[in-house]
Amino acid sequence: MAHYRGRMQEVRVPWWPLFGVVAVAHVVLLAAGAEPWDSVTKCLAAPLLIGWVLTTGAPRILALALLFCLGGDFFLELDGLFLAGMASFALAHVCFISWFVSHDAVARLRARPGIVVLLVAAAIALVALVWGGIDDPVVRAVLPLYALLLSGTAATALATDRLAGLGAVLFLVSDALIALTEFDRVTATTASHVAIMVLYLGAIALLTIGGARLASTGLRTAAPAPEPAP
């Protein structure tokens, strides 16, 4: 039994190649309108990244953020659960922001306030643009908060890691396209759906990589300096 356990521990799951295969398959199936397989592949992407996080010792908060992303992916595939999907993604952004804030994002943003101003302006502009198309009063109440969370993830990520920052910006653009199509400001087409998912898949991949490498950077930074020789 010990021999078999040892063999099992030696198995390496190719999480990133599998993620790439699933991402490409999803985009192809989405473009072809192959239901329900496009939904199935969509909901397989985040779990593969979660698997990588959990098996490589990356920060668990990234796995939690990705779990909430999976919840958002699932809920948005079901009719009438748009608010549940938004809530799940909002919790994902809270996790991302918490991680980046723990790596001095706030202090770095104080030195570069233009990032915050620009992203808050973008959030306000997006909400203003889609406001007239929102019929649900609950969505009207929570959308500004969600837009600020999107901008918060982008700002804190940009302040701490370039890859994570790029991923957060892609996330923002993807969700902006969702809002524009969902609230009838842009006509939803196959091309728009594909663009949304390409941006989103790139976003969670880059946020995962960038967020994970912050942990190793933090460990190096936190290492005590050698004591001077007497």
Protein backbone atom coordinates (compact mmCIF):
# COMPACT_ATOMS: atom_id res chain seq x y z
CA MET A 1 0.00 0.00 0.00
CA ALA A 2 2.82 2.39 0.82
CA HIS A 3 4.23 1.75 -2.66
CA TYR A 4 0.94 2.74 -4.32
CA ARG A 5 0.56 5.79 -2.11
CA GLY A 6 4.05 6.87 -3.13
CA ARG A 7 3.21 6.41 -6.79
CA MET A 8 0.04 8.46 -6.39
CA GLN A 9 1.96 11.27 -4.72
CA GLU A 10 4.32 11.38 -7.70
CA VAL A 11 1.46 12.06 -10.11
CA ARG A 12 1.51 15.62 -11.38
CA VAL A 13 -1.75 16.97 -12.75
CA PRO A 14 -1.12 19.33 -15.70
CA TRP A 15 -3.48 21.98 -14.38
CA TRP A 16 -2.46 24.76 -16.76
CA PRO A 17 -2.49 22.69 -19.96
CA LEU A 18 -5.89 21.36 -18.94
CA PHE A 19 -7.09 24.90 -18.30
CA GLY A 20 -5.86 25.92 -21.75
CA VAL A 21 -7.66 23.00 -23.39
CA VAL A 22 -10.89 23.75 -21.54
CA ALA A 23 -10.65 27.47 -22.33
CA VAL A 24 -10.15 26.86 -26.05
CA ALA A 25 -12.89 24.21 -26.09
CA HIS A 26 -15.28 26.58 -24.37
CA VAL A 27 -14.65 29.42 -26.79
CA VAL A 28 -15.10 27.09 -29.78
CA LEU A 29 -18.30 25.59 -28.37
CA LEU A 30 -19.63 29.03 -27.47
CA ALA A 31 -18.96 30.33 -30.97
CA ALA A 32 -20.72 27.27 -32.41
CA GLY A 33 -23.71 27.64 -30.09
CA ALA A 34 -23.16 24.08 -28.80
CA GLU A 35 -25.42 24.00 -25.76
CA PRO A 36 -25.15 22.76 -23.04
CA TRP A 37 -21.49 21.88 -23.58
CA ASP A 38 -20.43 25.51 -23.71
CA SER A 39 -21.89 25.92 -20.20
CA VAL A 40 -20.18 22.74 -18.99
CA THR A 41 -16.75 23.83 -20.19
CA LYS A 42 -17.29 27.31 -18.77
CA CYS A 43 -17.82 25.81 -15.31
CA LEU A 44 -14.73 23.60 -15.62
CA ALA A 45 -12.25 26.46 -16.02
CA ALA A 46 -12.13 27.89 -12.47
CA PRO A 47 -11.93 24.44 -10.77
CA LEU A 48 -8.75 23.67 -12.70
CA LEU A 49 -7.15 26.85 -11.41
CA ILE A 50 -8.38 26.00 -7.91
CA GLY A 51 -6.68 22.62 -8.26
CA TRP A 52 -3.41 24.31 -9.18
CA VAL A 53 -3.65 26.69 -6.21
CA LEU A 54 -4.38 23.92 -3.73
CA THR A 55 -1.64 21.57 -4.96
CA THR A 56 1.16 24.12 -5.25
CA GLY A 57 0.83 25.83 -1.90
CA ALA A 58 -0.41 29.09 -3.43
CA PRO A 59 -2.48 31.31 -1.11
CA ARG A 60 -5.82 29.73 -0.19
CA ILE A 61 -7.60 33.06 -0.55
CA LEU A 62 -7.01 32.77 -4.31
CA ALA A 63 -8.75 29.39 -4.28
CA LEU A 64 -11.65 30.98 -2.41
CA ALA A 65 -11.84 33.82 -4.93
CA LEU A 66 -11.88 31.31 -7.78
CA LEU A 67 -14.56 29.27 -6.01
CA PHE A 68 -16.75 32.36 -5.93
CA CYS A 69 -15.96 32.90 -9.63
CA LEU A 70 -17.18 29.36 -10.25
CA GLY A 71 -20.37 30.21 -8.38
CA GLY A 72 -20.82 33.27 -10.58
CA ASP A 73 -20.21 31.22 -13.72
CA PHE A 74 -22.81 28.66 -12.62
CA PHE A 75 -25.50 31.12 -11.55
CA LEU A 76 -25.20 33.22 -14.70
CA GLU A 77 -25.95 30.12 -16.76
CA LEU A 78 -29.35 29.76 -15.06
CA ASP A 79 -32.36 31.91 -15.81
CA GLY A 80 -33.38 34.32 -13.08
CA LEU A 81 -30.16 34.08 -11.09
CA PHE A 82 -28.35 37.14 -12.41
CA LEU A 83 -28.26 38.71 -8.94
CA ALA A 84 -26.89 35.51 -7.40
CA GLY A 85 -24.15 35.48 -10.01
CA MET A 86 -23.34 39.11 -9.33
CA ALA A 87 -23.20 38.44 -5.58
CA SER A 88 -20.84 35.49 -6.06
CA PHE A 89 -18.50 37.51 -8.25
CA ALA A 90 -18.66 40.37 -5.73
CA LEU A 91 -17.37 38.01 -3.04
CA ALA A 92 -14.59 36.94 -5.42
CA HIS A 93 -13.55 40.58 -5.78
CA VAL A 94 -13.57 41.01 -1.99
CA CYS A 95 -11.11 38.10 -1.77
CA PHE A 96 -8.86 39.52 -4.49
CA ILE A 97 -8.89 43.00 -2.95
CA SER A 98 -8.11 41.58 0.50
CA TRP A 99 -5.10 39.71 -0.89
CA PHE A 100 -3.69 42.71 -2.72
CA VAL A 101 -4.32 45.05 0.21
CA SER A 102 -2.32 42.65 2.41
CA HIS A 103 0.60 43.32 0.06
CA ASP A 104 0.71 47.10 0.56
CA ALA A 105 -1.68 48.00 -2.25
CA VAL A 106 -3.15 50.92 -0.31
CA ALA A 107 0.23 52.46 0.47
CA ARG A 108 1.30 52.09 -3.15
CA LEU A 109 -1.93 53.65 -4.40
CA ARG A 110 -1.37 56.67 -2.17
CA ALA A 111 1.76 57.28 -4.22
CA ARG A 112 -0.21 56.86 -7.47
CA PRO A 113 -3.68 58.34 -6.85
CA GLY A 114 -4.29 58.73 -10.57
CA ILE A 115 -4.99 54.99 -10.83
CA VAL A 116 -7.80 55.26 -8.28
CA VAL A 117 -9.28 58.37 -9.88
CA LEU A 118 -9.26 56.83 -13.34
CA LEU A 119 -10.84 53.54 -12.24
CA VAL A 120 -13.51 55.18 -10.07
CA ALA A 121 -14.36 57.42 -13.02
CA ALA A 122 -14.64 54.34 -15.22
CA ALA A 123 -17.00 52.70 -12.71
CA ILE A 124 -19.19 55.80 -12.54
CA ALA A 125 -19.27 56.10 -16.33
CA LEU A 126 -20.27 52.44 -16.73
CA VAL A 127 -23.10 52.69 -14.20
CA ALA A 128 -24.35 55.92 -15.79
CA LEU A 129 -24.26 54.37 -19.25
CA VAL A 130 -26.37 51.33 -18.35
CA TRP A 131 -28.60 52.97 -15.72
CA GLY A 132 -31.50 53.66 -18.06
CA GLY A 133 -31.68 50.03 -19.12
CA ILE A 134 -32.00 48.60 -15.59
CA ASP A 135 -35.58 47.72 -14.65
CA ASP A 136 -34.90 45.72 -11.48
CA PRO A 137 -34.65 48.08 -8.46
CA VAL A 138 -32.42 45.61 -6.60
CA VAL A 139 -29.95 45.56 -9.49
CA ARG A 140 -30.01 49.36 -9.49
CA ALA A 141 -29.16 49.33 -5.80
CA VAL A 142 -26.25 46.89 -5.99
CA LEU A 143 -24.70 47.68 -9.37
CA PRO A 144 -22.80 50.79 -8.18
CA LEU A 145 -21.27 48.76 -5.34
CA TYR A 146 -20.29 45.97 -7.71
CA ALA A 147 -18.74 48.46 -10.12
CA LEU A 148 -16.66 49.89 -7.27
CA LEU A 149 -15.52 46.38 -6.30
CA LEU A 150 -14.44 45.79 -9.91
CA SER A 151 -12.49 49.03 -9.85
CA GLY A 152 -11.10 48.15 -6.43
CA THR A 153 -9.72 44.85 -7.70
CA ALA A 154 -8.20 46.59 -10.70
CA ALA A 155 -6.63 49.36 -8.62
CA THR A 156 -5.16 47.14 -5.91
CA ALA A 157 -3.93 44.57 -8.43
CA LEU A 158 -2.28 47.21 -10.63
CA ALA A 159 -0.53 48.57 -7.55
CA THR A 160 0.99 45.24 -6.58
CA ASP A 161 1.63 43.02 -9.62
CA ARG A 162 1.60 43.71 -13.35
CA LEU A 163 0.14 40.37 -14.40
CA ALA A 164 -2.55 40.53 -11.75
CA GLY A 165 -3.23 44.13 -12.73
CA LEU A 166 -3.68 43.17 -16.36
CA GLY A 167 -5.98 40.34 -15.30
CA ALA A 168 -8.08 42.67 -13.18
CA VAL A 169 -8.43 45.14 -16.05
CA LEU A 170 -9.52 42.31 -18.35
CA PHE A 171 -12.09 41.30 -15.72
CA LEU A 172 -13.41 44.86 -15.61
CA VAL A 173 -13.73 45.07 -19.40
CA SER A 174 -15.41 41.65 -19.55
CA ASP A 175 -17.99 42.61 -16.93
CA ALA A 176 -18.51 45.97 -18.61
CA LEU A 177 -19.42 44.13 -21.82
CA ILE A 178 -21.81 41.92 -19.85
CA ALA A 179 -23.51 45.00 -18.42
CA LEU A 180 -23.74 46.70 -21.81
CA THR A 181 -25.35 43.65 -23.41
CA GLU A 182 -27.51 42.66 -20.43
CA PHE A 183 -29.02 46.14 -20.15
CA ASP A 184 -29.51 46.64 -23.89
CA ARG A 185 -26.85 49.24 -24.52
CA VAL A 186 -25.03 46.96 -26.97
CA THR A 187 -26.67 44.23 -29.03
CA ALA A 188 -25.69 40.79 -27.74
CA THR A 189 -24.12 38.70 -30.48
CA THR A 190 -22.05 35.55 -30.68
CA ALA A 191 -18.98 37.75 -31.09
CA SER A 192 -19.78 39.71 -27.94
CA HIS A 193 -20.29 36.50 -25.93
CA VAL A 194 -16.97 35.14 -27.20
CA ALA A 195 -15.19 38.41 -26.38
CA ILE A 196 -16.63 38.39 -22.85
CA MET A 197 -15.39 34.87 -22.19
CA VAL A 198 -11.94 35.33 -23.76
CA LEU A 199 -11.43 38.38 -21.55
CA TYR A 200 -12.76 36.60 -18.47
CA LEU A 201 -10.70 33.44 -18.91
CA GLY A 202 -7.59 35.54 -19.42
CA ALA A 203 -8.54 37.58 -16.35
CA ILE A 204 -8.82 34.70 -13.89
CA ALA A 205 -5.65 33.08 -15.26
CA LEU A 206 -3.58 36.26 -14.84
CA LEU A 207 -5.07 37.08 -11.43
CA THR A 208 -4.17 33.58 -10.28
CA ILE A 209 -0.59 33.75 -11.56
CA GLY A 210 0.01 37.30 -10.38
CA GLY A 211 -1.63 36.75 -7.02
CA ALA A 212 0.34 33.56 -6.41
CA ARG A 213 3.71 35.05 -7.21
CA LEU A 214 3.03 37.84 -4.72
CA ALA A 215 3.19 35.20 -2.00
CA SER A 216 6.75 34.19 -2.90
CA THR A 217 7.77 37.84 -3.22
CA GLY A 218 6.28 38.54 0.18
CA LEU A 219 8.16 35.66 1.74
CA ARG A 220 11.43 36.95 0.36
CA THR A 221 10.66 40.46 1.55
CA ALA A 222 9.71 39.25 5.01
CA ALA A 223 12.85 37.17 5.48
CA PRO A 224 14.98 38.60 8.32
CA ALA A 225 18.20 40.29 7.36
CA PRO A 226 21.41 38.56 8.47
CA GLU A 227 22.87 39.90 11.67
CA PRO A 228 26.10 41.87 11.25
CA ALA A 229 29.28 40.14 12.34
CA PRO A 230 30.59 41.30 15.73
